[in-house]
Amino acid sequence: MVEQARTWFRQNSTLIYFLIAQAIAVGGGAAAIIAYSVRLETRVMIMETRGAHYTVARMDEMKLKINSLEEKIDKNEDSIKRIIDVMTRELGKPKP
């Protein structure tokens, strides 16, 4: 029995080595995929953590800029109204 196994192993050694190498390659590929998945998940978690803070900060900056622009718009509207009042005041007067 042992002798038959040795004979079979010797006759099929190439096949056995190929199967072992294939198992190692599949295991290495699976390990690489798992490692990539872990790195990707870590990146996503970091982006979610940092991104939320970054987004809030950017939104606050945008709100400040919008408020500043709204104040300038209000000032410009007042200036335009004054100019229109001055220019139209002369239109209502009769010419001498």
Protein backbone atom coordinates (compact mmCIF):
# COMPACT_ATOMS: atom_id res chain seq x y z
CA MET A 1 0.00 0.00 0.00
CA VAL A 2 2.73 2.46 0.97
CA GLU A 3 4.76 1.34 -2.01
CA GLN A 4 1.80 1.94 -4.34
CA ALA A 5 1.36 5.43 -2.91
CA ARG A 6 5.04 6.20 -3.47
CA THR A 7 4.88 4.88 -7.01
CA TRP A 8 1.73 6.88 -7.74
CA PHE A 9 3.34 10.02 -6.26
CA ARG A 10 6.47 9.55 -8.39
CA GLN A 11 4.39 9.03 -11.55
CA ASN A 12 2.15 12.02 -10.86
CA SER A 13 4.65 14.32 -9.15
CA THR A 14 4.23 17.03 -11.81
CA LEU A 15 0.48 17.06 -11.26
CA ILE A 16 0.90 17.19 -7.50
CA TYR A 17 3.40 20.07 -7.71
CA PHE A 18 1.09 21.91 -10.08
CA LEU A 19 -1.87 21.47 -7.71
CA ILE A 20 0.19 22.66 -4.75
CA ALA A 21 1.43 25.71 -6.68
CA GLN A 22 -2.12 26.45 -7.80
CA ALA A 23 -3.38 26.26 -4.20
CA ILE A 24 -0.60 28.62 -3.11
CA ALA A 25 -1.48 31.05 -5.93
CA VAL A 26 -5.19 30.98 -5.09
CA GLY A 27 -4.37 31.53 -1.40
CA GLY A 28 -2.08 34.43 -2.26
CA GLY A 29 -4.73 35.96 -4.49
CA ALA A 30 -7.34 35.64 -1.76
CA ALA A 31 -4.96 37.22 0.75
CA ALA A 32 -4.26 40.09 -1.67
CA ILE A 33 -7.99 40.69 -2.20
CA ILE A 34 -8.63 40.68 1.54
CA ALA A 35 -5.73 43.09 2.15
CA TYR A 36 -7.01 45.42 -0.60
CA SER A 37 -10.52 45.33 0.85
CA VAL A 38 -9.23 46.22 4.30
CA ARG A 39 -7.18 49.13 2.92
CA LEU A 40 -10.13 50.36 0.88
CA GLU A 41 -12.48 50.19 3.86
CA THR A 42 -9.91 52.07 5.96
CA ARG A 43 -9.68 54.80 3.32
CA VAL A 44 -13.45 55.11 3.12
CA MET A 45 -13.72 55.36 6.91
CA ILE A 46 -11.01 58.05 7.00
CA MET A 47 -12.71 59.99 4.20
CA GLU A 48 -16.05 59.78 5.97
CA THR A 49 -14.53 60.94 9.25
CA ARG A 50 -12.45 63.76 7.77
CA GLY A 51 -14.90 64.54 5.02
CA ALA A 52 -17.76 65.32 7.39
CA HIS A 53 -15.65 67.85 9.29
CA TYR A 54 -14.23 69.29 6.08
CA THR A 55 -17.69 69.61 4.53
CA VAL A 56 -19.08 71.38 7.58
CA ALA A 57 -16.14 73.80 7.60
CA ARG A 58 -16.59 74.53 3.88
CA MET A 59 -20.32 75.09 4.36
CA ASP A 60 -19.61 77.55 7.17
CA GLU A 61 -17.19 79.44 4.90
CA MET A 62 -19.82 79.53 2.17
CA LYS A 63 -22.43 80.85 4.59
CA LEU A 64 -20.07 83.67 5.62
CA LYS A 65 -19.41 84.56 1.98
CA ILE A 66 -23.14 84.48 1.18
CA ASN A 67 -23.90 86.75 4.13
CA SER A 68 -21.19 89.16 3.01
CA LEU A 69 -22.57 89.19 -0.53
CA GLU A 70 -26.12 89.76 0.75
CA GLU A 71 -24.93 92.77 2.76
CA LYS A 72 -23.20 94.19 -0.32
CA ILE A 73 -26.35 93.62 -2.38
CA ASP A 74 -28.42 95.49 0.20
CA LYS A 75 -25.95 98.43 0.21
CA ASN A 76 -25.94 98.52 -3.59
CA GLU A 77 -29.75 98.48 -3.71
CA ASP A 78 -29.85 101.46 -1.33
CA SER A 79 -27.30 103.31 -3.46
CA ILE A 80 -29.27 102.61 -6.63
CA LYS A 81 -32.49 103.82 -5.00
CA ARG A 82 -30.79 107.09 -3.95
CA ILE A 83 -29.40 107.62 -7.43
CA ILE A 84 -32.82 106.97 -8.96
CA ASP A 85 -34.44 109.39 -6.50
CA VAL A 86 -31.92 112.12 -7.33
CA MET A 87 -32.26 111.59 -11.07
CA THR A 88 -36.07 111.41 -11.07
CA ARG A 89 -36.46 114.41 -8.73
CA GLU A 90 -35.39 116.67 -11.55
CA LEU A 91 -37.91 115.10 -13.95
CA GLY A 92 -40.92 116.16 -11.89
CA LYS A 93 -39.98 119.85 -11.79
CA PRO A 94 -41.27 122.13 -14.48
CA LYS A 95 -38.67 123.81 -16.65
CA PRO A 96 -38.40 127.59 -16.29
